[in-house]
Protein backbone atom coordinates (compact mmCIF):
# COMPACT_ATOMS: atom_id res chain seq x y z
CA MET A 1 106.27 70.16 114.29
CA ASN A 2 106.22 66.39 114.21
CA LYS A 3 103.15 65.88 116.39
CA GLU A 4 99.80 67.57 116.41
CA ILE A 5 99.51 70.47 118.83
CA PRO A 6 96.10 71.08 120.48
CA LYS A 7 94.25 74.11 119.16
CA ALA A 8 94.06 75.58 122.65
CA THR A 9 97.85 75.43 122.94
CA ALA A 10 98.36 76.89 119.46
CA ARG A 11 96.13 79.84 120.36
CA ARG A 12 98.22 80.61 123.43
CA LEU A 13 101.58 80.62 121.63
CA PRO A 14 101.29 84.22 120.35
CA ILE A 15 100.47 85.33 123.90
CA TYR A 16 103.64 83.70 125.22
CA HIS A 17 105.68 85.10 122.34
CA ARG A 18 104.45 88.65 122.90
CA TYR A 19 105.28 88.60 126.61
CA LEU A 20 108.68 87.01 126.01
CA ARG A 21 109.52 89.85 123.64
CA PHE A 22 108.54 92.27 126.40
CA LEU A 23 110.87 90.46 128.83
CA GLN A 24 113.73 90.48 126.35
CA ASN A 25 113.31 94.21 125.74
CA ALA A 26 113.42 94.69 129.51
CA GLY A 27 116.74 92.83 129.67
CA LYS A 28 115.42 89.78 131.52
CA LYS A 29 117.36 86.58 130.80
CA ARG A 30 115.25 83.86 132.37
CA VAL A 31 111.69 83.36 133.55
CA SER A 32 109.81 80.70 135.52
CA SER A 33 106.45 79.21 134.58
CA THR A 34 105.00 80.88 137.69
CA GLU A 35 106.19 84.31 136.53
CA LEU A 36 104.76 83.67 133.07
CA ALA A 37 101.49 82.54 134.61
CA ASP A 38 101.16 85.74 136.63
CA ALA A 39 101.84 87.85 133.54
CA VAL A 40 99.66 86.15 130.90
CA LYS A 41 96.93 84.89 133.27
CA VAL A 42 97.30 81.24 132.29
CA ASP A 43 98.01 78.83 135.13
CA SER A 44 101.57 77.51 135.39
CA ALA A 45 100.53 73.87 134.92
CA THR A 46 98.94 74.76 131.58
CA ILE A 47 102.07 76.65 130.52
CA ARG A 48 104.31 73.70 131.38
CA ARG A 49 101.97 71.36 129.50
CA ASP A 50 101.92 73.67 126.48
CA PHE A 51 105.71 73.86 126.44
CA SER A 52 106.07 70.10 126.85
CA TYR A 53 104.59 69.53 123.39
CA PHE A 54 107.76 71.04 121.97
CA GLY A 55 110.27 69.06 124.02
CA ALA A 56 112.51 70.12 126.89
CA LEU A 57 112.44 73.92 126.69
CA GLY A 58 113.45 74.61 130.28
CA LYS A 59 115.50 73.27 133.15
CA ARG A 60 114.25 72.28 136.59
CA GLY A 61 115.37 74.84 139.15
CA TYR A 62 116.39 77.31 136.43
CA GLY A 63 113.23 78.04 134.49
CA TYR A 64 113.24 79.09 130.87
CA ASP A 65 115.85 81.03 128.93
CA VAL A 66 114.04 84.08 127.53
CA ASP A 67 116.21 84.50 124.41
CA TYR A 68 115.97 80.82 123.54
CA LEU A 69 112.17 80.67 124.05
CA LEU A 70 111.65 83.83 122.02
CA GLU A 71 113.71 82.47 119.15
CA PHE A 72 112.06 79.05 119.35
CA PHE A 73 108.48 80.31 119.37
CA GLY A 74 109.37 82.94 116.79
CA LYS A 75 110.34 80.17 114.39
CA THR A 76 107.33 78.08 115.40
CA LEU A 77 105.04 81.03 114.60
CA ASN A 78 107.03 81.88 111.45
CA GLN A 79 108.09 85.17 113.05
CA ASP A 80 111.52 84.77 111.46
CA ARG A 81 110.06 85.62 108.04
CA LEU A 82 107.78 88.35 106.74
CA THR A 83 104.25 87.21 105.89
CA ASN A 84 102.44 89.23 103.26
CA VAL A 85 98.66 89.32 103.66
CA ALA A 86 95.85 91.02 101.78
CA LEU A 87 92.86 92.97 103.05
CA VAL A 88 89.53 92.71 101.24
CA GLY A 89 87.16 95.51 102.18
CA VAL A 90 88.45 99.02 102.95
CA GLY A 91 85.57 100.39 104.97
CA SER A 92 85.80 101.73 108.52
CA LEU A 93 87.15 98.47 109.95
CA GLY A 94 89.41 97.90 106.96
CA ASN A 95 90.94 101.35 107.39
CA ALA A 96 91.59 100.67 111.06
CA LEU A 97 93.35 97.41 110.16
CA ILE A 98 95.47 99.14 107.52
CA ASN A 99 96.56 101.75 110.05
CA TYR A 100 97.45 99.11 112.64
CA ASN A 101 101.17 98.45 112.59
CA PHE A 102 101.32 94.65 112.48
CA ARG A 103 105.08 94.70 111.93
CA LYS A 104 105.78 96.46 115.23
CA ASN A 105 105.65 93.17 117.13
CA HIS A 106 104.88 90.65 114.38
CA ASN A 107 106.45 89.97 111.00
CA VAL A 108 103.14 90.46 109.21
CA ARG A 109 102.23 93.23 106.82
CA ILE A 110 99.25 94.07 104.65
CA GLY A 111 100.77 94.17 101.19
CA ALA A 112 97.61 94.86 99.21
CA ALA A 113 94.00 95.86 99.82
CA PHE A 114 90.94 95.54 97.60
CA ASP A 115 87.65 97.41 97.36
CA ILE A 116 84.86 98.36 94.92
CA ASN A 117 84.76 102.05 95.88
CA PRO A 118 86.23 104.13 93.00
CA GLU A 119 87.19 106.85 95.49
CA VAL A 120 89.70 104.59 97.24
CA ILE A 121 90.84 102.40 94.31
CA GLY A 122 94.25 103.51 93.10
CA THR A 123 95.14 105.27 96.36
CA ILE A 124 97.75 104.33 98.96
CA ARG A 125 96.86 104.31 102.64
CA SER A 126 99.55 103.86 105.30
CA GLY A 127 101.78 102.45 102.58
CA VAL A 128 99.18 99.93 101.38
CA PRO A 129 98.03 100.17 97.73
CA ILE A 130 94.27 99.81 97.19
CA TYR A 131 93.29 97.76 94.13
CA SER A 132 90.00 97.13 92.41
CA MET A 133 88.22 93.86 93.18
CA ASP A 134 88.62 93.16 89.46
CA ASP A 135 92.34 92.69 90.14
CA LEU A 136 91.90 90.33 93.10
CA GLU A 137 92.96 87.03 91.55
CA GLU A 138 95.82 88.55 89.56
CA MET A 139 97.37 90.35 92.53
CA ILE A 140 97.00 87.36 94.86
CA GLU A 141 98.95 85.27 92.37
CA GLN A 142 101.45 88.03 91.62
CA GLN A 143 102.24 88.75 95.28
CA GLN A 144 102.00 85.09 96.33
CA ILE A 145 99.49 85.96 99.04
CA GLU A 146 98.19 83.02 101.08
CA VAL A 147 96.32 84.81 103.88
CA VAL A 148 93.48 87.33 103.54
CA ILE A 149 91.70 89.54 106.06
CA LEU A 150 88.02 89.71 105.13
CA SER A 151 86.11 92.84 106.19
CA VAL A 152 83.51 93.22 103.44
CA PRO A 153 79.76 93.82 103.91
CA GLN A 154 77.83 90.69 104.83
CA GLU A 155 75.96 90.50 101.52
CA ALA A 156 79.21 90.34 99.53
CA ALA A 157 81.12 87.93 101.77
CA SER A 158 80.13 84.56 100.32
CA SER A 159 81.00 85.44 96.73
CA VAL A 160 84.32 86.92 97.82
CA VAL A 161 85.20 83.79 99.80
CA ASP A 162 84.43 81.64 96.75
CA ARG A 163 86.87 83.74 94.71
CA LEU A 164 89.53 83.54 97.41
CA VAL A 165 89.26 79.76 97.64
CA LYS A 166 89.57 79.42 93.86
CA SER A 167 92.62 81.69 93.99
CA GLY A 168 94.44 79.25 96.29
CA ILE A 169 94.19 81.23 99.54
CA ARG A 170 95.11 79.06 102.54
CA GLY A 171 93.85 81.25 105.38
CA ILE A 172 91.05 83.77 105.93
CA LEU A 173 90.67 86.01 108.98
CA ASN A 174 86.94 86.59 108.83
CA PHE A 175 85.52 89.76 110.39
CA THR A 176 82.02 89.20 108.99
CA PRO A 177 79.27 87.52 111.07
CA LEU A 178 78.87 84.76 108.44
CA ARG A 179 80.39 81.28 108.63
CA PHE A 180 81.63 79.58 105.48
CA ASP A 181 81.98 76.04 104.18
CA VAL A 182 85.47 75.86 102.67
CA PRO A 183 87.78 73.01 101.65
CA LYS A 184 89.95 71.45 104.36
CA SER A 185 92.95 73.08 102.70
CA VAL A 186 91.62 76.51 103.76
CA ARG A 187 91.61 77.63 107.40
CA VAL A 188 89.05 80.26 108.44
CA GLN A 189 89.53 82.14 111.71
CA ASN A 190 86.33 83.96 112.72
CA VAL A 191 86.50 87.24 114.62
CA ASP A 192 83.03 88.35 115.67
CA LEU A 193 83.46 91.61 117.58
CA THR A 194 79.76 91.88 118.41
CA ASN A 195 79.69 88.37 119.82
CA GLU A 196 82.80 89.03 121.93
CA LEU A 197 81.25 92.22 123.32
CA LEU A 198 77.96 90.48 124.15
CA THR A 199 79.86 87.62 125.78
CA LEU A 200 81.79 90.10 127.92
CA ILE A 201 78.56 91.80 128.98
CA TYR A 202 77.04 88.41 129.80
CA PHE A 203 80.03 87.52 131.99
CA ILE A 204 79.77 90.84 133.79
CA ASP A 205 76.02 90.60 134.34
CA SER A 206 76.30 86.98 135.48
CA ASN A 207 79.18 87.72 137.88
CA MET A 208 81.02 84.71 136.51
CA ASP A 209 84.34 84.13 138.27
CA ASP A 210 86.04 82.68 135.19
CA ALA A 211 85.18 85.53 132.85
CA ASP A 212 88.84 86.30 132.30
CA ASP A 213 90.00 82.67 132.26
CA ASP A 214 91.87 82.46 128.96
CA SER A 215 92.33 78.71 129.21
CA ALA A 216 88.57 78.14 129.44
CA TYR A 217 88.00 80.37 126.45
CA PHE A 218 90.66 78.70 124.36
CA GLU A 219 89.30 75.25 125.09
CA GLN A 220 85.91 76.30 123.74
CA ASN A 221 87.08 77.98 120.53
């Protein structure tokens, strides 16, 4: 992409891509911004603005070609190639992530997992080999892994992140409640499940009308 895309727009692209795949599987050939808006719960003006960052993707009076959009956003999101990621921490959450089939709708797979538990080291779970943390740097280099899912206990997180940064990791999906200072070359995406649940409860208790307004959420994160 030649120009910078707003973070809010970038966060919505996977949502559009997922629904477009659904439309393609249903045999639909074209879709309007209004139809997309109804489906993904993002207003049509926002969708048109998001799409405009990438040039003329649709035609007035016709809408958007589903196959073309799916291919375009697939390439934009690197869905035309398989991305190999690693998982660090094979506890309850780590096991759930291993068992989740990322490749069903996304060209992402967990190629390696790491833990300190001798009972899981050397085993294979859902096709994913579990390595010792002693092998972390070697396997990251060997498998050319650039993205890591972090689901270790809070007390171990900082030291693990330091090792990942030194290993040349470019992206970390962080499931711990901690926040890390990393070089600008490393992107950290924080997923705080407890915070999301408490936020949902707050919205419900406060009777806030925009509780399910994705665009408001994206603008804040």
